[in-house]
Structures are given as C-alpha cells and as structure tokens.
C-alpha atoms as a PDB file:
ATOM      1  CA  GLN A   1     -34.263 -30.817  95.488  1.00  0.00           C
ATOM      2  CA  VAL A   2     -33.783 -31.925  91.891  1.00  0.00           C
ATOM      3  CA  ARG A   3     -32.012 -29.426  89.690  1.00  0.00           C
ATOM      4  CA  LEU A   4     -32.374 -29.191  85.949  1.00  0.00           C
ATOM      5  CA  VAL A   5     -30.273 -27.000  83.691  1.00  0.00           C
ATOM      6  CA  GLU A   6     -31.238 -26.462  80.070  1.00  0.00           C
ATOM      7  CA  SER A   7     -28.896 -25.301  77.356  1.00  0.00           C
ATOM      8  CA  GLY A   8     -28.677 -25.131  73.587  1.00  0.00           C
ATOM      9  CA  GLY A   9     -31.251 -22.504  72.785  1.00  0.00           C
ATOM     10  CA  GLY A  10     -30.606 -19.619  70.455  1.00  0.00           C
ATOM     11  CA  LEU A  11     -31.558 -17.870  67.266  1.00  0.00           C
ATOM     12  CA  VAL A  12     -31.899 -19.928  64.105  1.00  0.00           C
ATOM     13  CA  GLN A  13     -33.413 -19.409  60.678  1.00  0.00           C
ATOM     14  CA  ALA A  14     -36.515 -21.279  59.603  1.00  0.00           C
ATOM     15  CA  GLY A  15     -35.566 -24.717  58.352  1.00  0.00           C
ATOM     16  CA  GLY A  16     -32.589 -24.924  60.669  1.00  0.00           C
ATOM     17  CA  SER A  17     -31.863 -27.185  63.612  1.00  0.00           C
ATOM     18  CA  LEU A  18     -31.036 -26.905  67.274  1.00  0.00           C
ATOM     19  CA  ARG A  19     -30.325 -29.460  69.961  1.00  0.00           C
ATOM     20  CA  LEU A  20     -31.410 -28.676  73.478  1.00  0.00           C
ATOM     21  CA  SER A  21     -29.854 -30.390  76.473  1.00  0.00           C
ATOM     22  CA  CYS A  22     -31.239 -30.839  79.955  1.00  0.00           C
ATOM     23  CA  LEU A  23     -28.747 -31.812  82.630  1.00  0.00           C
ATOM     24  CA  VAL A  24     -30.455 -33.369  85.636  1.00  0.00           C
ATOM     25  CA  SER A  25     -28.846 -33.517  89.071  1.00  0.00           C
ATOM     26  CA  GLU A  26     -30.013 -37.091  89.631  1.00  0.00           C
ATOM     27  CA  ASN A  27     -30.186 -40.342  87.733  1.00  0.00           C
ATOM     28  CA  ILE A  28     -32.784 -39.691  85.052  1.00  0.00           C
ATOM     29  CA  PHE A  29     -33.994 -43.280  85.303  1.00  0.00           C
ATOM     30  CA  ASN A  30     -35.277 -42.470  88.785  1.00  0.00           C
ATOM     31  CA  PHE A  31     -38.118 -40.492  87.222  1.00  0.00           C
ATOM     32  CA  ASN A  32     -41.352 -41.666  85.672  1.00  0.00           C
ATOM     33  CA  TRP A  33     -41.071 -39.143  82.846  1.00  0.00           C
ATOM     34  CA  VAL A  34     -38.557 -36.621  81.593  1.00  0.00           C
ATOM     35  CA  GLY A  35     -39.744 -34.118  79.078  1.00  0.00           C
ATOM     36  CA  TRP A  36     -39.719 -30.807  77.337  1.00  0.00           C
ATOM     37  CA  TYR A  37     -42.413 -28.153  77.423  1.00  0.00           C
ATOM     38  CA  ARG A  38     -42.563 -24.771  75.781  1.00  0.00           C
ATOM     39  CA  GLN A  39     -44.288 -21.501  76.330  1.00  0.00           C
ATOM     40  CA  ALA A  40     -44.618 -18.783  73.747  1.00  0.00           C
ATOM     41  CA  PRO A  41     -45.683 -15.236  74.645  1.00  0.00           C
ATOM     42  CA  GLY A  42     -49.442 -15.055  75.063  1.00  0.00           C
ATOM     43  CA  LYS A  43     -49.851 -18.801  74.742  1.00  0.00           C
ATOM     44  CA  GLN A  44     -50.357 -21.619  77.157  1.00  0.00           C
ATOM     45  CA  HIS A  45     -47.655 -23.902  78.380  1.00  0.00           C
ATOM     46  CA  GLU A  46     -47.610 -26.997  76.154  1.00  0.00           C
ATOM     47  CA  LEU A  47     -45.949 -30.387  76.112  1.00  0.00           C
ATOM     48  CA  VAL A  48     -43.421 -30.763  73.313  1.00  0.00           C
ATOM     49  CA  ALA A  49     -42.022 -34.232  73.946  1.00  0.00           C
ATOM     50  CA  ARG A  50     -41.422 -36.603  76.797  1.00  0.00           C
ATOM     51  CA  ILE A  51     -39.891 -39.993  77.435  1.00  0.00           C
ATOM     52  CA  ASN A  52     -40.641 -42.393  80.253  1.00  0.00           C
ATOM     53  CA  VAL A  53     -38.387 -44.726  82.159  1.00  0.00           C
ATOM     54  CA  GLY A  54     -39.245 -47.557  79.787  1.00  0.00           C
ATOM     55  CA  GLY A  55     -38.436 -45.540  76.696  1.00  0.00           C
ATOM     56  CA  LYS A  56     -41.963 -44.714  75.588  1.00  0.00           C
ATOM     57  CA  THR A  57     -42.174 -41.314  73.931  1.00  0.00           C
ATOM     58  CA  ASP A  58     -44.945 -38.790  73.378  1.00  0.00           C
ATOM     59  CA  PHE A  59     -44.796 -35.858  70.999  1.00  0.00           C
ATOM     60  CA  ALA A  60     -47.051 -32.901  70.455  1.00  0.00           C
ATOM     61  CA  GLU A  61     -48.746 -33.078  67.079  1.00  0.00           C
ATOM     62  CA  PRO A  62     -47.072 -29.919  65.673  1.00  0.00           C
ATOM     63  CA  VAL A  63     -43.575 -31.352  66.223  1.00  0.00           C
ATOM     64  CA  LYS A  64     -44.075 -34.961  65.159  1.00  0.00           C
ATOM     65  CA  GLY A  65     -41.590 -35.959  62.514  1.00  0.00           C
ATOM     66  CA  ARG A  66     -39.398 -32.913  63.192  1.00  0.00           C
ATOM     67  CA  PHE A  67     -38.335 -33.279  66.829  1.00  0.00           C
ATOM     68  CA  THR A  68     -36.658 -36.204  68.550  1.00  0.00           C
ATOM     69  CA  ILE A  69     -36.201 -36.798  72.260  1.00  0.00           C
ATOM     70  CA  SER A  70     -33.341 -38.904  73.552  1.00  0.00           C
ATOM     71  CA  ARG A  71     -31.388 -39.462  76.757  1.00  0.00           C
ATOM     72  CA  ASP A  72     -27.949 -40.368  77.983  1.00  0.00           C
ATOM     73  CA  GLY A  73     -28.111 -42.070  81.365  1.00  0.00           C
ATOM     74  CA  ALA A  74     -24.372 -41.860  81.903  1.00  0.00           C
ATOM     75  CA  LYS A  75     -24.587 -38.076  81.622  1.00  0.00           C
ATOM     76  CA  ASN A  76     -27.995 -37.664  83.309  1.00  0.00           C
ATOM     77  CA  THR A  77     -28.977 -35.648  80.271  1.00  0.00           C
ATOM     78  CA  VAL A  78     -32.056 -35.522  78.083  1.00  0.00           C
ATOM     79  CA  TYR A  79     -31.885 -34.049  74.604  1.00  0.00           C
ATOM     80  CA  LEU A  80     -34.384 -32.490  72.278  1.00  0.00           C
ATOM     81  CA  GLN A  81     -33.246 -32.512  68.670  1.00  0.00           C
ATOM     82  CA  MET A  82     -35.262 -29.999  66.714  1.00  0.00           C
ATOM     83  CA  ASP A  83     -35.090 -30.073  62.929  1.00  0.00           C
ATOM     84  CA  SER A  84     -36.976 -28.189  60.235  1.00  0.00           C
ATOM     85  CA  LEU A  85     -37.687 -25.426  62.690  1.00  0.00           C
ATOM     86  CA  LYS A  86     -40.517 -23.030  62.017  1.00  0.00           C
ATOM     87  CA  PRO A  87     -41.183 -19.517  63.330  1.00  0.00           C
ATOM     88  CA  GLU A  88     -44.084 -20.926  65.329  1.00  0.00           C
ATOM     89  CA  ASP A  89     -41.594 -23.025  67.303  1.00  0.00           C
ATOM     90  CA  THR A  90     -40.338 -19.811  68.883  1.00  0.00           C
ATOM     91  CA  ALA A  91     -40.790 -20.156  72.645  1.00  0.00           C
ATOM     92  CA  GLU A  92     -39.051 -20.687  75.910  1.00  0.00           C
ATOM     93  CA  TYR A  93     -38.324 -24.382  76.253  1.00  0.00           C
ATOM     94  CA  LEU A  94     -38.357 -25.928  79.700  1.00  0.00           C
ATOM     95  CA  CYS A  95     -37.266 -29.330  80.844  1.00  0.00           C
ATOM     96  CA  ASN A  96     -39.098 -31.197  83.562  1.00  0.00           C
ATOM     97  CA  VAL A  97     -38.947 -34.477  85.434  1.00  0.00           C
ATOM     98  CA  VAL A  98     -41.855 -36.258  87.057  1.00  0.00           C
ATOM     99  CA  PHE A  99     -41.601 -38.521  90.081  1.00  0.00           C
ATOM    100  CA  PHE A 100     -45.138 -39.702  90.811  1.00  0.00           C
ATOM    101  CA  SER A 101     -46.900 -36.512  92.004  1.00  0.00           C
ATOM    102  CA  ARG A 102     -43.749 -34.404  92.181  1.00  0.00           C
ATOM    103  CA  ILE A 103     -42.655 -32.304  89.238  1.00  0.00           C
ATOM    104  CA  PHE A 104     -39.408 -30.394  88.948  1.00  0.00           C
ATOM    105  CA  TRP A 105     -38.619 -27.748  86.359  1.00  0.00           C
ATOM    106  CA  GLY A 106     -35.589 -26.124  84.879  1.00  0.00           C
ATOM    107  CA  GLN A 107     -35.242 -22.409  84.238  1.00  0.00           C
ATOM    108  CA  GLY A 108     -35.739 -22.678  80.500  1.00  0.00           C
ATOM    109  CA  THR A 109     -33.843 -21.825  77.367  1.00  0.00           C
ATOM    110  CA  GLN A 110     -35.079 -19.472  74.667  1.00  0.00           C
ATOM    111  CA  VAL A 111     -35.488 -20.657  71.105  1.00  0.00           C
ATOM    112  CA  THR A 112     -36.159 -18.058  68.433  1.00  0.00           C
ATOM    113  CA  VAL A 113     -36.798 -19.048  64.835  1.00  0.00           C
ATOM    114  CA  SER A 114     -36.634 -16.276  62.264  1.00  0.00           C
ATOM    115  CA  SER A 115     -38.533 -16.418  58.997  1.00  0.00           C
END
C-alpha cells in the first residue's frame, strides 16, 4: 500500500503564499503521475497540478501562472508552491499518485485564504 502524507496547509491572507508538501512512501519516479487535487465545500473534486515521470506538467486553468509543482526524488516528495492566493483557492488539497490503473490518495491538507 502506498502512503502519502500532505503538509503545509493553513490560513493565509489573499495575495499570500503557501507551499504544500506530499511525502510518498515509495520512489516517486515509480509512478506515471504525481499530482495535487482540491475539493472545496459544495464543489467537485478538481485537478490542480500534476507532473509525470518525464517531467511534463499540467495545471488547471485557474492556477496557471500562480502555482508551481516540483519534486525531490531524494526525499520522495512532491511540492505545490502556491503564490498570489485567492479566496477561491480555499479547499482541501489532496496529493495522489497514479500507477497505471491504480490511484493512491493522501488524507489532505486544508488551505484557507481570507479576503
């Protein structure tokens, strides 16, 4: 069983920054994709950003230019740098890894952006 532990969430004012971390129990280069999703109350689960084993990245349109995804293979950790945060970024952020048809999720970390 792959374990993922997110950290770095919290309360921040609009315009501020946070960096989320996702510690994975296995070599992150074993997975096709590693990414971040978010879910706000009353809204659907949505992709925020992801990175594949070759380094290709995808970002949701609302976060392009503000969020960056990166990884540290030596630490088995994936990061989500979030800048210029907006109240609409408020959500629970979850990390996941994809290995072909298998998907593993972390427990999530709450991000709250005050106006």
